Amino acid sequence: MIDRILVPMDDSDHAERALEYALENFPDADVTVVHVVGAPSMMMGEAASLALADDFEAAAAERAEGVFERARALATDRGREVDTVVGVGHPARNIIDRAEGYDTVVIGAHGADRGRATRRFLVGNVAETVSKRAPVSVVLVR
């Protein structure tokens, strides 16, 4: 039985469809929406990374709030609620590590980076990595 679902979200249509899928197909499950923001790189230099730390956390929370507002609206339209959490770091790694506490991950097949040269033909890079390495079942939504 699926009691806890993790839904990674960004600002893509596929992510929105993944949340809709989770809410509609698992009506009794608790749904958590995670938005992962990449951390400042140490390639920037230690001083620059440290200077950005406080501003980065605030900016990450602010950016995530837009995604979470949309997620809450989708849930409310269906008479549901969602929990939200901000992740920081490499998106696929963060989702895989976080998935341990859930029964399944429902993820959009392509994220917001779908226009970049690193795009995969059928499944986005993050979704592909999560589907191969997550410790729980993964549902890919197109």
C-alpha atoms as a PDB file:
ATOM      1  CA  MET A   1       0.000   0.000   0.000  1.00  0.00           C
ATOM      2  CA  ILE A   2       1.253   3.460  -0.838  1.00  0.00           C
ATOM      3  CA  ASP A   3       0.932   5.816   2.127  1.00  0.00           C
ATOM      4  CA  ARG A   4       3.645   8.411   1.448  1.00  0.00           C
ATOM      5  CA  ILE A   5       4.503   9.926  -1.934  1.00  0.00           C
ATOM      6  CA  LEU A   6       7.332  12.283  -2.837  1.00  0.00           C
ATOM      7  CA  VAL A   7       6.684  14.582  -5.803  1.00  0.00           C
ATOM      8  CA  PRO A   8       9.677  16.617  -7.011  1.00  0.00           C
ATOM      9  CA  MET A   9       8.473  19.861  -8.598  1.00  0.00           C
ATOM     10  CA  ASP A  10       9.949  22.689 -10.585  1.00  0.00           C
ATOM     11  CA  ASP A  11       8.125  25.123 -12.851  1.00  0.00           C
ATOM     12  CA  SER A  12       7.548  22.643 -15.694  1.00  0.00           C
ATOM     13  CA  ASP A  13       4.270  21.301 -17.053  1.00  0.00           C
ATOM     14  CA  HIS A  14       5.498  17.727 -16.522  1.00  0.00           C
ATOM     15  CA  ALA A  15       6.045  18.406 -12.812  1.00  0.00           C
ATOM     16  CA  GLU A  16       2.541  19.812 -12.503  1.00  0.00           C
ATOM     17  CA  ARG A  17       1.113  16.747 -14.245  1.00  0.00           C
ATOM     18  CA  ALA A  18       3.096  14.517 -11.872  1.00  0.00           C
ATOM     19  CA  LEU A  19       1.479  16.193  -8.864  1.00  0.00           C
ATOM     20  CA  GLU A  20      -1.967  15.936 -10.454  1.00  0.00           C
ATOM     21  CA  TYR A  21      -1.324  12.240 -11.108  1.00  0.00           C
ATOM     22  CA  ALA A  22      -0.279  11.615  -7.500  1.00  0.00           C
ATOM     23  CA  LEU A  23      -3.268  13.483  -6.063  1.00  0.00           C
ATOM     24  CA  GLU A  24      -5.792  11.779  -8.334  1.00  0.00           C
ATOM     25  CA  ASN A  25      -4.425   8.224  -8.299  1.00  0.00           C
ATOM     26  CA  PHE A  26      -3.433   7.979  -4.636  1.00  0.00           C
ATOM     27  CA  PRO A  27      -6.316   9.701  -2.814  1.00  0.00           C
ATOM     28  CA  ASP A  28      -5.403   8.349   0.632  1.00  0.00           C
ATOM     29  CA  ALA A  29      -1.646   8.946   0.477  1.00  0.00           C
ATOM     30  CA  ASP A  30       0.231  11.797   2.129  1.00  0.00           C
ATOM     31  CA  VAL A  31       1.935  13.826  -0.596  1.00  0.00           C
ATOM     32  CA  THR A  32       5.117  15.828  -0.088  1.00  0.00           C
ATOM     33  CA  VAL A  33       6.290  18.261  -2.752  1.00  0.00           C
ATOM     34  CA  VAL A  34      10.042  18.884  -2.868  1.00  0.00           C
ATOM     35  CA  HIS A  35      11.675  21.688  -4.827  1.00  0.00           C
ATOM     36  CA  VAL A  36      15.446  21.324  -5.147  1.00  0.00           C
ATOM     37  CA  VAL A  37      17.626  24.369  -5.732  1.00  0.00           C
ATOM     38  CA  GLY A  38      21.240  23.914  -6.833  1.00  0.00           C
ATOM     39  CA  ALA A  39      23.772  25.118  -4.249  1.00  0.00           C
ATOM     40  CA  PRO A  40      26.409  27.743  -5.077  1.00  0.00           C
ATOM     41  CA  SER A  41      29.458  26.005  -6.459  1.00  0.00           C
ATOM     42  CA  MET A  42      32.786  25.940  -4.680  1.00  0.00           C
ATOM     43  CA  MET A  43      34.169  26.688  -8.146  1.00  0.00           C
ATOM     44  CA  MET A  44      33.112  30.261  -7.400  1.00  0.00           C
ATOM     45  CA  GLY A  45      35.720  30.405  -4.689  1.00  0.00           C
ATOM     46  CA  GLU A  46      35.314  29.936  -0.963  1.00  0.00           C
ATOM     47  CA  ALA A  47      34.889  33.634  -0.155  1.00  0.00           C
ATOM     48  CA  ALA A  48      32.166  34.138  -2.764  1.00  0.00           C
ATOM     49  CA  SER A  49      30.337  30.978  -1.692  1.00  0.00           C
ATOM     50  CA  LEU A  50      30.410  32.029   1.953  1.00  0.00           C
ATOM     51  CA  ALA A  51      29.214  35.549   1.134  1.00  0.00           C
ATOM     52  CA  LEU A  52      26.269  34.131  -0.803  1.00  0.00           C
ATOM     53  CA  ALA A  53      25.250  31.588   1.852  1.00  0.00           C
ATOM     54  CA  ASP A  54      22.691  33.720   3.713  1.00  0.00           C
ATOM     55  CA  ASP A  55      21.336  35.377   0.581  1.00  0.00           C
ATOM     56  CA  PHE A  56      21.221  32.011  -1.183  1.00  0.00           C
ATOM     57  CA  GLU A  57      19.078  30.362   1.493  1.00  0.00           C
ATOM     58  CA  ALA A  58      16.593  33.235   1.390  1.00  0.00           C
ATOM     59  CA  ALA A  59      16.532  33.203  -2.415  1.00  0.00           C
ATOM     60  CA  ALA A  60      16.053  29.418  -2.488  1.00  0.00           C
ATOM     61  CA  ALA A  61      13.113  29.648  -0.096  1.00  0.00           C
ATOM     62  CA  GLU A  62      11.585  32.485  -2.123  1.00  0.00           C
ATOM     63  CA  ARG A  63      11.991  30.616  -5.409  1.00  0.00           C
ATOM     64  CA  ALA A  64      10.506  27.461  -3.917  1.00  0.00           C
ATOM     65  CA  GLU A  65       7.503  29.354  -2.582  1.00  0.00           C
ATOM     66  CA  GLY A  66       6.275  30.060  -6.110  1.00  0.00           C
ATOM     67  CA  VAL A  67       6.378  26.338  -6.893  1.00  0.00           C
ATOM     68  CA  PHE A  68       4.713  25.512  -3.570  1.00  0.00           C
ATOM     69  CA  GLU A  69       1.899  28.026  -4.123  1.00  0.00           C
ATOM     70  CA  ARG A  70       1.067  26.309  -7.403  1.00  0.00           C
ATOM     71  CA  ALA A  71       1.257  22.881  -5.737  1.00  0.00           C
ATOM     72  CA  ARG A  72      -1.055  23.965  -2.909  1.00  0.00           C
ATOM     73  CA  ALA A  73      -3.545  25.388  -5.421  1.00  0.00           C
ATOM     74  CA  LEU A  74      -3.601  22.120  -7.385  1.00  0.00           C
ATOM     75  CA  ALA A  75      -4.138  20.182  -4.161  1.00  0.00           C
ATOM     76  CA  THR A  76      -6.872  22.524  -2.913  1.00  0.00           C
ATOM     77  CA  ASP A  77      -8.713  22.186  -6.244  1.00  0.00           C
ATOM     78  CA  ARG A  78      -8.879  18.460  -5.520  1.00  0.00           C
ATOM     79  CA  GLY A  79      -9.806  18.784  -1.841  1.00  0.00           C
ATOM     80  CA  ARG A  80      -6.321  17.723  -0.771  1.00  0.00           C
ATOM     81  CA  GLU A  81      -3.333  19.143   1.072  1.00  0.00           C
ATOM     82  CA  VAL A  82       0.377  18.724   0.408  1.00  0.00           C
ATOM     83  CA  ASP A  83       3.441  19.081   2.588  1.00  0.00           C
ATOM     84  CA  THR A  84       6.350  21.052   1.149  1.00  0.00           C
ATOM     85  CA  VAL A  85      10.107  20.940   1.591  1.00  0.00           C
ATOM     86  CA  VAL A  86      13.034  22.778  -0.003  1.00  0.00           C
ATOM     87  CA  GLY A  87      16.079  20.741  -0.988  1.00  0.00           C
ATOM     88  CA  VAL A  88      19.480  22.244  -1.735  1.00  0.00           C
ATOM     89  CA  GLY A  89      22.121  20.618  -3.911  1.00  0.00           C
ATOM     90  CA  HIS A  90      22.165  18.322  -6.905  1.00  0.00           C
ATOM     91  CA  PRO A  91      18.492  17.670  -7.790  1.00  0.00           C
ATOM     92  CA  ALA A  92      18.690  13.948  -8.611  1.00  0.00           C
ATOM     93  CA  ARG A  93      20.908  13.159  -5.630  1.00  0.00           C
ATOM     94  CA  ASN A  94      18.687  15.146  -3.261  1.00  0.00           C
ATOM     95  CA  ILE A  95      15.543  13.391  -4.488  1.00  0.00           C
ATOM     96  CA  ILE A  96      17.151   9.937  -4.303  1.00  0.00           C
ATOM     97  CA  ASP A  97      18.406  10.534  -0.757  1.00  0.00           C
ATOM     98  CA  ARG A  98      15.045  11.914   0.361  1.00  0.00           C
ATOM     99  CA  ALA A  99      13.071   9.060  -1.279  1.00  0.00           C
ATOM    100  CA  GLU A 100      14.164   6.645   1.448  1.00  0.00           C
ATOM    101  CA  GLY A 101      11.325   7.856   3.689  1.00  0.00           C
ATOM    102  CA  TYR A 102       8.586   7.405   1.082  1.00  0.00           C
ATOM    103  CA  ASP A 103       6.742   4.543  -0.589  1.00  0.00           C
ATOM    104  CA  THR A 104       7.091   5.933  -4.099  1.00  0.00           C
ATOM    105  CA  VAL A 105       8.300   8.926  -6.099  1.00  0.00           C
ATOM    106  CA  VAL A 106       6.032  10.448  -8.752  1.00  0.00           C
ATOM    107  CA  ILE A 107       8.119  12.615 -11.080  1.00  0.00           C
ATOM    108  CA  GLY A 108       7.586  14.445 -14.350  1.00  0.00           C
ATOM    109  CA  ALA A 109       9.421  12.931 -17.294  1.00  0.00           C
ATOM    110  CA  HIS A 110      11.047  16.289 -18.108  1.00  0.00           C
ATOM    111  CA  GLY A 111      11.831  19.205 -15.863  1.00  0.00           C
ATOM    112  CA  ALA A 112      12.284  22.900 -16.509  1.00  0.00           C
ATOM    113  CA  ASP A 113      15.682  22.279 -18.164  1.00  0.00           C
ATOM    114  CA  ARG A 114      13.997  20.510 -21.101  1.00  0.00           C
ATOM    115  CA  GLY A 115      15.268  23.098 -23.592  1.00  0.00           C
ATOM    116  CA  ARG A 116      18.950  22.668 -22.770  1.00  0.00           C
ATOM    117  CA  ALA A 117      21.437  20.713 -24.839  1.00  0.00           C
ATOM    118  CA  THR A 118      21.676  18.111 -22.059  1.00  0.00           C
ATOM    119  CA  ARG A 119      18.049  17.117 -22.619  1.00  0.00           C
ATOM    120  CA  ARG A 120      17.326  13.441 -23.075  1.00  0.00           C
ATOM    121  CA  PHE A 121      15.048  12.379 -25.925  1.00  0.00           C
ATOM    122  CA  LEU A 122      12.306  10.574 -23.976  1.00  0.00           C
ATOM    123  CA  VAL A 123      13.111  11.118 -20.309  1.00  0.00           C
ATOM    124  CA  GLY A 124      14.855  14.084 -18.693  1.00  0.00           C
ATOM    125  CA  ASN A 125      18.222  13.677 -17.012  1.00  0.00           C
ATOM    126  CA  VAL A 126      16.962  14.086 -13.417  1.00  0.00           C
ATOM    127  CA  ALA A 127      13.952  11.822 -13.972  1.00  0.00           C
ATOM    128  CA  GLU A 128      16.124   9.184 -15.631  1.00  0.00           C
ATOM    129  CA  THR A 129      18.670   9.212 -12.799  1.00  0.00           C
ATOM    130  CA  VAL A 130      15.966   9.064 -10.125  1.00  0.00           C
ATOM    131  CA  SER A 131      14.186   6.192 -11.877  1.00  0.00           C
ATOM    132  CA  LYS A 132      17.410   4.184 -12.048  1.00  0.00           C
ATOM    133  CA  ARG A 133      18.766   4.866  -8.562  1.00  0.00           C
ATOM    134  CA  ALA A 134      15.883   5.566  -6.189  1.00  0.00           C
ATOM    135  CA  PRO A 135      15.442   3.019  -3.379  1.00  0.00           C
ATOM    136  CA  VAL A 136      11.655   2.974  -3.982  1.00  0.00           C
ATOM    137  CA  SER A 137       9.338   2.614  -6.974  1.00  0.00           C
ATOM    138  CA  VAL A 138       9.237   5.581  -9.337  1.00  0.00           C
ATOM    139  CA  VAL A 139       6.297   6.654 -11.492  1.00  0.00           C
ATOM    140  CA  LEU A 140       7.279   8.757 -14.536  1.00  0.00           C
ATOM    141  CA  VAL A 141       4.521  11.069 -15.750  1.00  0.00           C
ATOM    142  CA  ARG A 142       4.508  12.560 -19.253  1.00  0.00           C
END
